[in-house]
Amino acid sequence: MPVVQIREDESFENALRRFKRKCEKSGVLTELKKRQHFEKPSVKKKRKVMQARKKVLRKMAEERKMGLR
């Protein structure tokens, strides 16, 4: 669980923004969404394969972009 200490002369909104950013980086929200519903093993495997494919395609596109410059 991310913890944020409120600094002196800091508004509540700024502290809340920092807390939300920390939660996003630690993956709390994605873990919560993942645990809300049961996901069949076949669906989970398919999702992971798609994520890996996107990652490879993104990397290839980035390498192509760097090669053109």
N, C-alpha and C. Protein backbone atom coordinates (compact mmCIF):
# COMPACT_ATOMS: atom_id res chain seq x y z
N MET A 1 0.85 -1.18 0.00
CA MET A 1 0.00 0.00 0.00
C MET A 1 0.89 1.24 0.00
N PRO A 2 0.79 2.08 -1.02
CA PRO A 2 1.59 3.30 -1.07
C PRO A 2 1.20 4.28 0.03
N VAL A 3 2.19 4.92 0.58
CA VAL A 3 1.97 5.90 1.65
C VAL A 3 2.58 7.22 1.21
N VAL A 4 1.85 8.31 1.50
CA VAL A 4 2.33 9.65 1.15
C VAL A 4 2.27 10.51 2.40
N GLN A 5 3.40 11.09 2.75
CA GLN A 5 3.44 12.02 3.88
C GLN A 5 3.12 13.42 3.36
N ILE A 6 2.18 14.07 4.00
CA ILE A 6 1.80 15.42 3.59
C ILE A 6 2.87 16.39 4.09
N ARG A 7 3.43 17.12 3.15
CA ARG A 7 4.49 18.07 3.49
C ARG A 7 3.90 19.34 4.09
N GLU A 8 4.77 20.09 4.73
CA GLU A 8 4.34 21.36 5.30
C GLU A 8 3.97 22.31 4.16
N ASP A 9 2.91 23.05 4.31
CA ASP A 9 2.43 24.01 3.30
C ASP A 9 2.07 23.33 1.98
N GLU A 10 1.59 22.09 2.05
CA GLU A 10 1.16 21.39 0.84
C GLU A 10 -0.36 21.24 0.89
N SER A 11 -0.99 21.50 -0.22
CA SER A 11 -2.44 21.37 -0.25
C SER A 11 -2.84 19.90 -0.33
N PHE A 12 -4.06 19.64 0.08
CA PHE A 12 -4.58 18.27 0.04
C PHE A 12 -4.62 17.74 -1.39
N GLU A 13 -4.97 18.61 -2.33
CA GLU A 13 -5.06 18.19 -3.73
C GLU A 13 -3.72 17.71 -4.26
N ASN A 14 -2.65 18.42 -3.90
CA ASN A 14 -1.32 18.01 -4.36
C ASN A 14 -0.92 16.67 -3.75
N ALA A 15 -1.22 16.49 -2.46
CA ALA A 15 -0.90 15.22 -1.80
C ALA A 15 -1.71 14.08 -2.42
N LEU A 16 -2.97 14.34 -2.72
CA LEU A 16 -3.81 13.32 -3.35
C LEU A 16 -3.28 12.97 -4.74
N ARG A 17 -2.83 13.96 -5.48
CA ARG A 17 -2.26 13.74 -6.81
C ARG A 17 -1.00 12.87 -6.71
N ARG A 18 -0.14 13.15 -5.71
CA ARG A 18 1.05 12.34 -5.51
C ARG A 18 0.69 10.90 -5.14
N PHE A 19 -0.34 10.75 -4.29
CA PHE A 19 -0.79 9.41 -3.89
C PHE A 19 -1.31 8.63 -5.09
N LYS A 20 -2.10 9.27 -5.93
CA LYS A 20 -2.64 8.60 -7.11
C LYS A 20 -1.51 8.18 -8.05
N ARG A 21 -0.52 9.03 -8.22
CA ARG A 21 0.62 8.72 -9.08
C ARG A 21 1.39 7.52 -8.53
N LYS A 22 1.58 7.49 -7.19
CA LYS A 22 2.27 6.37 -6.56
C LYS A 22 1.50 5.07 -6.74
N CYS A 23 0.17 5.13 -6.60
CA CYS A 23 -0.67 3.95 -6.78
C CYS A 23 -0.57 3.46 -8.22
N GLU A 24 -0.54 4.37 -9.17
CA GLU A 24 -0.45 4.01 -10.58
C GLU A 24 0.88 3.31 -10.88
N LYS A 25 1.96 3.84 -10.32
CA LYS A 25 3.28 3.26 -10.55
C LYS A 25 3.42 1.89 -9.90
N SER A 26 2.81 1.70 -8.74
CA SER A 26 2.96 0.42 -8.04
C SER A 26 2.02 -0.64 -8.60
N GLY A 27 1.05 -0.25 -9.41
CA GLY A 27 0.17 -1.21 -10.05
C GLY A 27 -0.99 -1.67 -9.18
N VAL A 28 -1.36 -0.90 -8.19
CA VAL A 28 -2.45 -1.27 -7.28
C VAL A 28 -3.77 -1.35 -8.03
N LEU A 29 -4.05 -0.38 -8.87
CA LEU A 29 -5.33 -0.34 -9.57
C LEU A 29 -5.46 -1.47 -10.58
N THR A 30 -4.39 -1.76 -11.30
CA THR A 30 -4.46 -2.85 -12.28
C THR A 30 -4.65 -4.19 -11.58
N GLU A 31 -3.99 -4.35 -10.43
CA GLU A 31 -4.15 -5.58 -9.65
C GLU A 31 -5.58 -5.71 -9.14
N LEU A 32 -6.15 -4.62 -8.71
CA LEU A 32 -7.53 -4.63 -8.22
C LEU A 32 -8.50 -5.02 -9.33
N LYS A 33 -8.33 -4.42 -10.50
CA LYS A 33 -9.21 -4.75 -11.62
C LYS A 33 -9.05 -6.20 -12.04
N LYS A 34 -7.81 -6.69 -11.98
CA LYS A 34 -7.55 -8.07 -12.38
C LYS A 34 -8.22 -9.06 -11.42
N ARG A 35 -8.30 -8.71 -10.15
CA ARG A 35 -8.86 -9.62 -9.15
C ARG A 35 -10.38 -9.51 -9.00
N GLN A 36 -10.99 -8.54 -9.63
CA GLN A 36 -12.43 -8.36 -9.49
C GLN A 36 -13.21 -9.49 -10.14
N HIS A 37 -12.74 -10.00 -11.26
CA HIS A 37 -13.44 -11.05 -11.98
C HIS A 37 -12.48 -12.19 -12.27
N PHE A 38 -13.02 -13.40 -12.26
CA PHE A 38 -12.21 -14.56 -12.58
C PHE A 38 -11.94 -14.58 -14.07
N GLU A 39 -10.71 -14.89 -14.40
CA GLU A 39 -10.32 -14.97 -15.80
C GLU A 39 -9.88 -16.41 -16.10
N LYS A 40 -10.52 -17.00 -17.09
CA LYS A 40 -10.18 -18.38 -17.45
C LYS A 40 -8.71 -18.45 -17.88
N PRO A 41 -8.05 -19.58 -17.59
CA PRO A 41 -6.64 -19.71 -17.98
C PRO A 41 -6.40 -19.50 -19.47
N SER A 42 -7.32 -19.96 -20.32
CA SER A 42 -7.13 -19.78 -21.76
C SER A 42 -7.20 -18.30 -22.14
N VAL A 43 -8.08 -17.56 -21.50
CA VAL A 43 -8.21 -16.12 -21.78
C VAL A 43 -6.97 -15.39 -21.27
N LYS A 44 -6.49 -15.80 -20.10
CA LYS A 44 -5.29 -15.19 -19.53
C LYS A 44 -4.09 -15.41 -20.44
N LYS A 45 -3.95 -16.63 -20.96
CA LYS A 45 -2.84 -16.96 -21.85
C LYS A 45 -2.93 -16.14 -23.13
N LYS A 46 -4.14 -16.03 -23.68
CA LYS A 46 -4.34 -15.27 -24.91
C LYS A 46 -3.98 -13.79 -24.70
N ARG A 47 -4.37 -13.23 -23.55
CA ARG A 47 -4.06 -11.84 -23.23
C ARG A 47 -2.55 -11.63 -23.13
N LYS A 48 -1.87 -12.57 -22.48
CA LYS A 48 -0.42 -12.44 -22.33
C LYS A 48 0.29 -12.54 -23.67
N VAL A 49 -0.19 -13.41 -24.55
CA VAL A 49 0.40 -13.54 -25.88
C VAL A 49 0.22 -12.24 -26.66
N MET A 50 -0.96 -11.65 -26.56
CA MET A 50 -1.22 -10.39 -27.26
C MET A 50 -0.33 -9.27 -26.71
N GLN A 51 -0.14 -9.23 -25.39
CA GLN A 51 0.72 -8.22 -24.80
C GLN A 51 2.15 -8.38 -25.28
N ALA A 52 2.63 -9.62 -25.34
CA ALA A 52 3.99 -9.87 -25.81
C ALA A 52 4.14 -9.45 -27.27
N ARG A 53 3.12 -9.75 -28.07
CA ARG A 53 3.16 -9.38 -29.49
C ARG A 53 3.21 -7.86 -29.66
N LYS A 54 2.39 -7.14 -28.88
CA LYS A 54 2.39 -5.69 -28.95
C LYS A 54 3.75 -5.13 -28.55
N LYS A 55 4.35 -5.73 -27.53
CA LYS A 55 5.65 -5.27 -27.05
C LYS A 55 6.71 -5.42 -28.14
N VAL A 56 6.72 -6.57 -28.81
CA VAL A 56 7.69 -6.83 -29.88
C VAL A 56 7.45 -5.87 -31.04
N LEU A 57 6.19 -5.67 -31.43
CA LEU A 57 5.89 -4.77 -32.55
C LEU A 57 6.30 -3.34 -32.21
N ARG A 58 6.06 -2.93 -30.97
CA ARG A 58 6.43 -1.58 -30.54
C ARG A 58 7.95 -1.41 -30.60
N LYS A 59 8.68 -2.45 -30.16
CA LYS A 59 10.13 -2.39 -30.18
C LYS A 59 10.66 -2.33 -31.60
N MET A 60 10.06 -3.12 -32.50
CA MET A 60 10.48 -3.12 -33.90
C MET A 60 10.22 -1.75 -34.54
N ALA A 61 9.08 -1.17 -34.24
CA ALA A 61 8.74 0.14 -34.80
C ALA A 61 9.72 1.19 -34.29
N GLU A 62 10.08 1.09 -33.02
CA GLU A 62 11.03 2.05 -32.46
C GLU A 62 12.41 1.91 -33.10
N GLU A 63 12.84 0.65 -33.33
CA GLU A 63 14.13 0.42 -33.97
C GLU A 63 14.12 0.95 -35.41
N ARG A 64 13.01 0.73 -36.11
CA ARG A 64 12.88 1.22 -37.48
C ARG A 64 12.95 2.74 -37.50
N LYS A 65 12.30 3.35 -36.53
CA LYS A 65 12.28 4.81 -36.43
C LYS A 65 13.68 5.35 -36.16
N MET A 66 14.43 4.67 -35.31
CA MET A 66 15.79 5.10 -34.98
C MET A 66 16.73 4.89 -36.18
N GLY A 67 16.47 3.88 -36.99
CA GLY A 67 17.30 3.60 -38.15
C GLY A 67 17.13 4.61 -39.26
N LEU A 68 15.95 5.22 -39.34
CA LEU A 68 15.68 6.21 -40.39
C LEU A 68 16.36 7.53 -40.11
N ARG A 69 16.61 7.83 -38.89
CA ARG A 69 17.19 9.14 -38.53
C ARG A 69 18.66 9.18 -38.67
